[in-house]
Amino acid sequence: MGVSKVDLRYADVLVIEARPPPGQPPRVETFSFKSRNLAVLDEDALPVQVRTDASNAMQHYGGTLKILRDGMRQQAEVRRVRLVYEGQELLPRERDMLIDAANDAQLRNKGVEVLFQ
């Protein structure tokens, strides 16, 4: 399913609430999955990469956007974007460094939740 602000993008996962409360628009959330090798980044580069990914995820898949699908054209407000890093072997061994980078990215990019699988 495509989403658009200015140019057409495809969110990895787009969740649209099936039955919103009466009079309210459906809640919409997006997920962006990354298979990025964060294990090779040092303590300076890791937070920069996670912040950049979080900023890009919100820029492309968050806020007000158009949902484009066969038979469906609607505008939606995406309040939460989940940025999910996949692959345990791709993550740094030092979990505190990873958690600090995620917390920093979330503070700087309201509406983005950073998760690790």
N, C-alpha and C. Protein backbone atom coordinates (compact mmCIF):
# COMPACT_ATOMS: atom_id res chain seq x y z
N MET A 1 0.86 -1.17 0.00
CA MET A 1 0.00 0.00 0.00
C MET A 1 0.90 1.23 0.00
N GLY A 2 0.62 2.13 -0.87
CA GLY A 2 1.43 3.33 -0.97
C GLY A 2 0.96 4.41 -0.03
N VAL A 3 1.89 5.25 0.37
CA VAL A 3 1.59 6.44 1.16
C VAL A 3 2.30 7.60 0.49
N SER A 4 1.74 8.77 0.63
CA SER A 4 2.32 9.91 -0.06
C SER A 4 2.20 11.17 0.76
N LYS A 5 3.30 11.91 0.81
CA LYS A 5 3.29 13.29 1.30
C LYS A 5 3.55 14.16 0.09
N VAL A 6 4.70 13.97 -0.51
CA VAL A 6 5.05 14.66 -1.75
C VAL A 6 5.27 13.61 -2.85
N ASP A 7 6.11 12.62 -2.53
CA ASP A 7 6.36 11.55 -3.49
C ASP A 7 5.82 10.23 -2.93
N LEU A 8 5.55 9.29 -3.82
CA LEU A 8 4.97 8.00 -3.43
C LEU A 8 6.03 7.15 -2.76
N ARG A 9 5.69 6.58 -1.62
CA ARG A 9 6.55 5.66 -0.87
C ARG A 9 5.71 4.46 -0.50
N TYR A 10 6.36 3.39 -0.10
CA TYR A 10 5.66 2.21 0.36
C TYR A 10 6.13 1.88 1.77
N ALA A 11 5.23 2.01 2.72
CA ALA A 11 5.55 1.66 4.11
C ALA A 11 5.69 0.15 4.19
N ASP A 12 6.59 -0.33 5.04
CA ASP A 12 6.74 -1.78 5.20
C ASP A 12 5.44 -2.38 5.72
N VAL A 13 4.86 -1.73 6.73
CA VAL A 13 3.57 -2.17 7.28
C VAL A 13 2.76 -0.92 7.60
N LEU A 14 1.51 -0.92 7.17
CA LEU A 14 0.59 0.17 7.45
C LEU A 14 -0.63 -0.45 8.13
N VAL A 15 -0.94 0.02 9.32
CA VAL A 15 -2.06 -0.51 10.09
C VAL A 15 -3.13 0.55 10.17
N ILE A 16 -4.34 0.19 9.73
CA ILE A 16 -5.48 1.10 9.76
C ILE A 16 -6.55 0.48 10.65
N GLU A 17 -6.97 1.21 11.64
CA GLU A 17 -8.00 0.74 12.57
C GLU A 17 -9.27 0.43 11.79
N ALA A 18 -9.80 -0.77 11.98
CA ALA A 18 -10.97 -1.22 11.22
C ALA A 18 -12.26 -0.53 11.66
N ARG A 19 -12.43 -0.37 12.95
CA ARG A 19 -13.67 0.23 13.46
C ARG A 19 -13.36 1.33 14.47
N PRO A 20 -13.14 2.52 13.97
CA PRO A 20 -12.87 3.62 14.90
C PRO A 20 -14.14 4.00 15.66
N PRO A 21 -13.99 4.67 16.80
CA PRO A 21 -15.17 5.14 17.52
C PRO A 21 -15.99 6.07 16.61
N PRO A 22 -17.30 6.10 16.80
CA PRO A 22 -18.16 6.94 15.96
C PRO A 22 -17.68 8.40 15.94
N GLY A 23 -17.62 8.96 14.74
CA GLY A 23 -17.24 10.36 14.59
C GLY A 23 -15.75 10.62 14.59
N GLN A 24 -14.94 9.56 14.73
CA GLN A 24 -13.49 9.74 14.75
C GLN A 24 -12.87 9.04 13.54
N PRO A 25 -11.80 9.62 13.01
CA PRO A 25 -11.13 8.95 11.90
C PRO A 25 -10.40 7.71 12.41
N PRO A 26 -10.14 6.74 11.54
CA PRO A 26 -9.40 5.55 11.99
C PRO A 26 -7.98 5.90 12.42
N ARG A 27 -7.51 5.22 13.43
CA ARG A 27 -6.12 5.39 13.86
C ARG A 27 -5.23 4.67 12.86
N VAL A 28 -4.14 5.32 12.47
CA VAL A 28 -3.22 4.75 11.48
C VAL A 28 -1.81 4.77 12.06
N GLU A 29 -1.11 3.64 11.95
CA GLU A 29 0.27 3.55 12.40
C GLU A 29 1.09 2.86 11.32
N THR A 30 2.36 3.20 11.24
CA THR A 30 3.24 2.58 10.27
C THR A 30 4.43 1.93 10.96
N PHE A 31 4.98 0.93 10.29
CA PHE A 31 6.18 0.23 10.76
C PHE A 31 7.21 0.31 9.65
N SER A 32 8.45 0.64 10.00
CA SER A 32 9.55 0.64 9.06
C SER A 32 10.61 -0.33 9.60
N PHE A 33 10.88 -1.39 8.84
CA PHE A 33 11.83 -2.41 9.26
C PHE A 33 13.19 -2.15 8.62
N LYS A 34 14.24 -2.26 9.44
CA LYS A 34 15.61 -2.05 8.98
C LYS A 34 16.44 -3.29 9.29
N SER A 35 17.18 -3.75 8.30
CA SER A 35 18.17 -4.81 8.49
C SER A 35 19.54 -4.17 8.28
N ARG A 36 19.87 -3.30 9.19
CA ARG A 36 21.10 -2.51 9.09
C ARG A 36 22.12 -3.05 10.10
N ASN A 37 23.36 -3.17 9.68
CA ASN A 37 24.40 -3.68 10.56
C ASN A 37 24.88 -2.58 11.51
N LEU A 38 24.21 -2.48 12.64
CA LEU A 38 24.58 -1.48 13.65
C LEU A 38 25.76 -1.93 14.50
N ALA A 39 26.08 -3.24 14.44
CA ALA A 39 27.17 -3.78 15.26
C ALA A 39 28.52 -3.19 14.89
N VAL A 40 28.67 -2.70 13.67
CA VAL A 40 29.96 -2.18 13.23
C VAL A 40 30.15 -0.70 13.59
N LEU A 41 29.10 -0.07 14.12
CA LEU A 41 29.18 1.36 14.44
C LEU A 41 29.72 1.58 15.84
N ASP A 42 30.51 2.64 16.00
CA ASP A 42 31.04 2.96 17.31
C ASP A 42 30.05 3.83 18.08
N GLU A 43 30.42 4.22 19.30
CA GLU A 43 29.51 4.96 20.17
C GLU A 43 29.16 6.35 19.64
N ASP A 44 29.95 6.87 18.73
CA ASP A 44 29.64 8.17 18.11
C ASP A 44 28.73 8.01 16.90
N ALA A 45 28.99 7.00 16.08
CA ALA A 45 28.23 6.82 14.83
C ALA A 45 26.86 6.20 15.07
N LEU A 46 26.73 5.35 16.07
CA LEU A 46 25.45 4.66 16.31
C LEU A 46 24.29 5.63 16.56
N PRO A 47 24.41 6.59 17.48
CA PRO A 47 23.29 7.50 17.71
C PRO A 47 22.93 8.33 16.48
N VAL A 48 23.93 8.69 15.70
CA VAL A 48 23.68 9.48 14.48
C VAL A 48 22.86 8.65 13.50
N GLN A 49 23.22 7.37 13.33
CA GLN A 49 22.49 6.51 12.39
C GLN A 49 21.05 6.30 12.84
N VAL A 50 20.85 6.03 14.12
CA VAL A 50 19.50 5.78 14.63
C VAL A 50 18.66 7.05 14.55
N ARG A 51 19.24 8.20 14.88
CA ARG A 51 18.51 9.47 14.74
C ARG A 51 18.13 9.74 13.29
N THR A 52 19.05 9.48 12.38
CA THR A 52 18.78 9.69 10.95
C THR A 52 17.66 8.77 10.48
N ASP A 53 17.72 7.51 10.86
CA ASP A 53 16.67 6.56 10.46
C ASP A 53 15.32 6.97 11.04
N ALA A 54 15.31 7.41 12.30
CA ALA A 54 14.06 7.84 12.95
C ALA A 54 13.50 9.07 12.27
N SER A 55 14.36 10.02 11.96
CA SER A 55 13.92 11.24 11.28
C SER A 55 13.34 10.92 9.90
N ASN A 56 14.03 10.08 9.15
CA ASN A 56 13.55 9.69 7.82
C ASN A 56 12.23 8.93 7.91
N ALA A 57 12.09 8.05 8.89
CA ALA A 57 10.85 7.29 9.05
C ALA A 57 9.68 8.24 9.31
N MET A 58 9.88 9.21 10.19
CA MET A 58 8.81 10.16 10.49
C MET A 58 8.52 11.04 9.29
N GLN A 59 9.57 11.47 8.61
CA GLN A 59 9.40 12.33 7.44
C GLN A 59 8.60 11.63 6.34
N HIS A 60 8.87 10.36 6.10
CA HIS A 60 8.22 9.65 5.00
C HIS A 60 6.91 8.98 5.38
N TYR A 61 6.80 8.50 6.62
CA TYR A 61 5.66 7.66 6.99
C TYR A 61 4.84 8.19 8.15
N GLY A 62 5.16 9.37 8.68
CA GLY A 62 4.42 9.93 9.81
C GLY A 62 3.74 11.23 9.46
N GLY A 63 2.93 11.71 10.38
CA GLY A 63 2.21 12.97 10.16
C GLY A 63 1.06 12.78 9.19
N THR A 64 0.69 13.84 8.52
CA THR A 64 -0.42 13.80 7.58
C THR A 64 0.07 13.27 6.24
N LEU A 65 -0.57 12.23 5.75
CA LEU A 65 -0.22 11.68 4.46
C LEU A 65 -1.44 11.10 3.77
N LYS A 66 -1.28 10.81 2.51
CA LYS A 66 -2.35 10.20 1.73
C LYS A 66 -2.09 8.71 1.62
N ILE A 67 -3.13 7.91 1.82
CA ILE A 67 -3.03 6.47 1.64
C ILE A 67 -3.57 6.15 0.26
N LEU A 68 -2.75 5.46 -0.54
CA LEU A 68 -3.09 5.17 -1.93
C LEU A 68 -3.12 3.66 -2.14
N ARG A 69 -4.28 3.16 -2.48
CA ARG A 69 -4.45 1.73 -2.72
C ARG A 69 -5.58 1.57 -3.73
N ASP A 70 -5.57 0.49 -4.48
CA ASP A 70 -6.67 0.25 -5.41
C ASP A 70 -8.00 0.38 -4.69
N GLY A 71 -8.82 1.27 -5.17
CA GLY A 71 -10.13 1.47 -4.57
C GLY A 71 -10.14 2.29 -3.29
N MET A 72 -8.99 2.77 -2.86
CA MET A 72 -8.93 3.54 -1.61
C MET A 72 -8.02 4.74 -1.78
N ARG A 73 -8.55 5.88 -1.49
CA ARG A 73 -7.77 7.12 -1.45
C ARG A 73 -8.27 7.87 -0.22
N GLN A 74 -7.42 8.01 0.77
CA GLN A 74 -7.84 8.75 1.95
C GLN A 74 -6.65 9.44 2.57
N GLN A 75 -6.93 10.52 3.24
CA GLN A 75 -5.90 11.23 3.99
C GLN A 75 -5.96 10.73 5.42
N ALA A 76 -4.79 10.60 6.04
CA ALA A 76 -4.72 10.09 7.40
C ALA A 76 -3.65 10.83 8.18
N GLU A 77 -3.82 10.83 9.48
CA GLU A 77 -2.83 11.39 10.39
C GLU A 77 -2.16 10.22 11.10
N VAL A 78 -0.89 10.02 10.80
CA VAL A 78 -0.11 8.94 11.41
C VAL A 78 0.62 9.52 12.60
N ARG A 79 0.22 9.12 13.78
CA ARG A 79 0.80 9.68 15.00
C ARG A 79 1.98 8.88 15.53
N ARG A 80 2.07 7.62 15.12
CA ARG A 80 3.17 6.79 15.62
C ARG A 80 3.78 6.01 14.47
N VAL A 81 5.10 6.10 14.38
CA VAL A 81 5.88 5.32 13.43
C VAL A 81 6.81 4.44 14.25
N ARG A 82 6.75 3.16 14.00
CA ARG A 82 7.64 2.24 14.70
C ARG A 82 8.80 1.88 13.77
N LEU A 83 10.00 2.17 14.23
CA LEU A 83 11.22 1.85 13.51
C LEU A 83 11.79 0.60 14.15
N VAL A 84 11.81 -0.49 13.40
CA VAL A 84 12.19 -1.79 13.95
C VAL A 84 13.48 -2.27 13.29
N TYR A 85 14.51 -2.47 14.11
CA TYR A 85 15.77 -3.01 13.63
C TYR A 85 15.74 -4.52 13.81
N GLU A 86 15.98 -5.24 12.71
CA GLU A 86 15.92 -6.70 12.73
C GLU A 86 17.31 -7.30 12.82
N GLY A 87 17.37 -8.51 13.35
CA GLY A 87 18.61 -9.28 13.33
C GLY A 87 19.49 -9.06 14.54
N GLN A 88 19.42 -9.96 15.48
CA GLN A 88 20.23 -9.84 16.69
C GLN A 88 21.72 -9.74 16.38
N GLU A 89 22.18 -10.47 15.35
CA GLU A 89 23.60 -10.45 15.01
C GLU A 89 24.02 -9.11 14.41
N LEU A 90 23.05 -8.30 14.01
CA LEU A 90 23.34 -6.98 13.43
C LEU A 90 23.36 -5.87 14.48
N LEU A 91 23.05 -6.21 15.72
CA LEU A 91 22.98 -5.21 16.79
C LEU A 91 24.25 -5.22 17.63
N PRO A 92 24.64 -4.07 18.17
CA PRO A 92 25.83 -4.02 19.04
C PRO A 92 25.64 -4.91 20.27
N ARG A 93 26.73 -5.46 20.73
CA ARG A 93 26.68 -6.32 21.93
C ARG A 93 26.37 -5.49 23.18
N GLU A 94 26.85 -4.25 23.18
CA GLU A 94 26.63 -3.38 24.33
C GLU A 94 25.23 -2.79 24.26
N ARG A 95 24.31 -3.39 24.99
CA ARG A 95 22.90 -3.01 24.92
C ARG A 95 22.65 -1.60 25.44
N ASP A 96 23.43 -1.15 26.44
CA ASP A 96 23.23 0.20 26.98
C ASP A 96 23.45 1.26 25.90
N MET A 97 24.45 1.06 25.06
CA MET A 97 24.74 1.99 23.98
C MET A 97 23.56 2.02 23.00
N LEU A 98 23.00 0.87 22.72
CA LEU A 98 21.86 0.74 21.82
C LEU A 98 20.62 1.41 22.39
N ILE A 99 20.35 1.17 23.66
CA ILE A 99 19.19 1.75 24.33
C ILE A 99 19.33 3.27 24.41
N ASP A 100 20.53 3.76 24.70
CA ASP A 100 20.76 5.21 24.75
C ASP A 100 20.50 5.85 23.37
N ALA A 101 20.96 5.19 22.32
CA ALA A 101 20.75 5.71 20.96
C ALA A 101 19.27 5.74 20.62
N ALA A 102 18.54 4.70 21.00
CA ALA A 102 17.09 4.64 20.75
C ALA A 102 16.36 5.73 21.53
N ASN A 103 16.69 5.89 22.79
CA ASN A 103 16.04 6.92 23.61
C ASN A 103 16.30 8.32 23.06
N ASP A 104 17.53 8.57 22.64
CA ASP A 104 17.88 9.86 22.06
C ASP A 104 17.08 10.11 20.78
N ALA A 105 16.99 9.12 19.92
CA ALA A 105 16.24 9.26 18.66
C ALA A 105 14.76 9.52 18.93
N GLN A 106 14.20 8.85 19.92
CA GLN A 106 12.78 9.04 20.25
C GLN A 106 12.51 10.42 20.83
N LEU A 107 13.45 10.92 21.63
CA LEU A 107 13.28 12.28 22.19
C LEU A 107 13.34 13.34 21.10
N ARG A 108 14.21 13.14 20.12
CA ARG A 108 14.39 14.12 19.05
C ARG A 108 13.34 14.01 17.94
N ASN A 109 12.67 12.88 17.88
CA ASN A 109 11.70 12.62 16.81
C ASN A 109 10.38 12.16 17.43
N LYS A 110 9.60 13.13 17.86
CA LYS A 110 8.32 12.82 18.51
C LYS A 110 7.46 11.98 17.58
N GLY A 111 6.88 10.93 18.13
CA GLY A 111 6.02 10.06 17.35
C GLY A 111 6.71 8.82 16.81
N VAL A 112 8.04 8.73 16.99
CA VAL A 112 8.78 7.56 16.52
C VAL A 112 9.12 6.69 17.73
N GLU A 113 8.87 5.41 17.58
CA GLU A 113 9.24 4.42 18.59
C GLU A 113 10.30 3.52 17.97
N VAL A 114 11.45 3.39 18.61
CA VAL A 114 12.55 2.58 18.09
C VAL A 114 12.56 1.25 18.84
N LEU A 115 12.51 0.16 18.05
CA LEU A 115 12.47 -1.18 18.63
C LEU A 115 13.56 -2.05 18.02
N PHE A 116 13.97 -3.09 18.76
CA PHE A 116 14.99 -4.02 18.29
C PHE A 116 14.44 -5.43 18.40
N GLN A 117 14.58 -6.20 17.31
CA GLN A 117 14.10 -7.59 17.32
C GLN A 117 15.23 -8.53 17.58
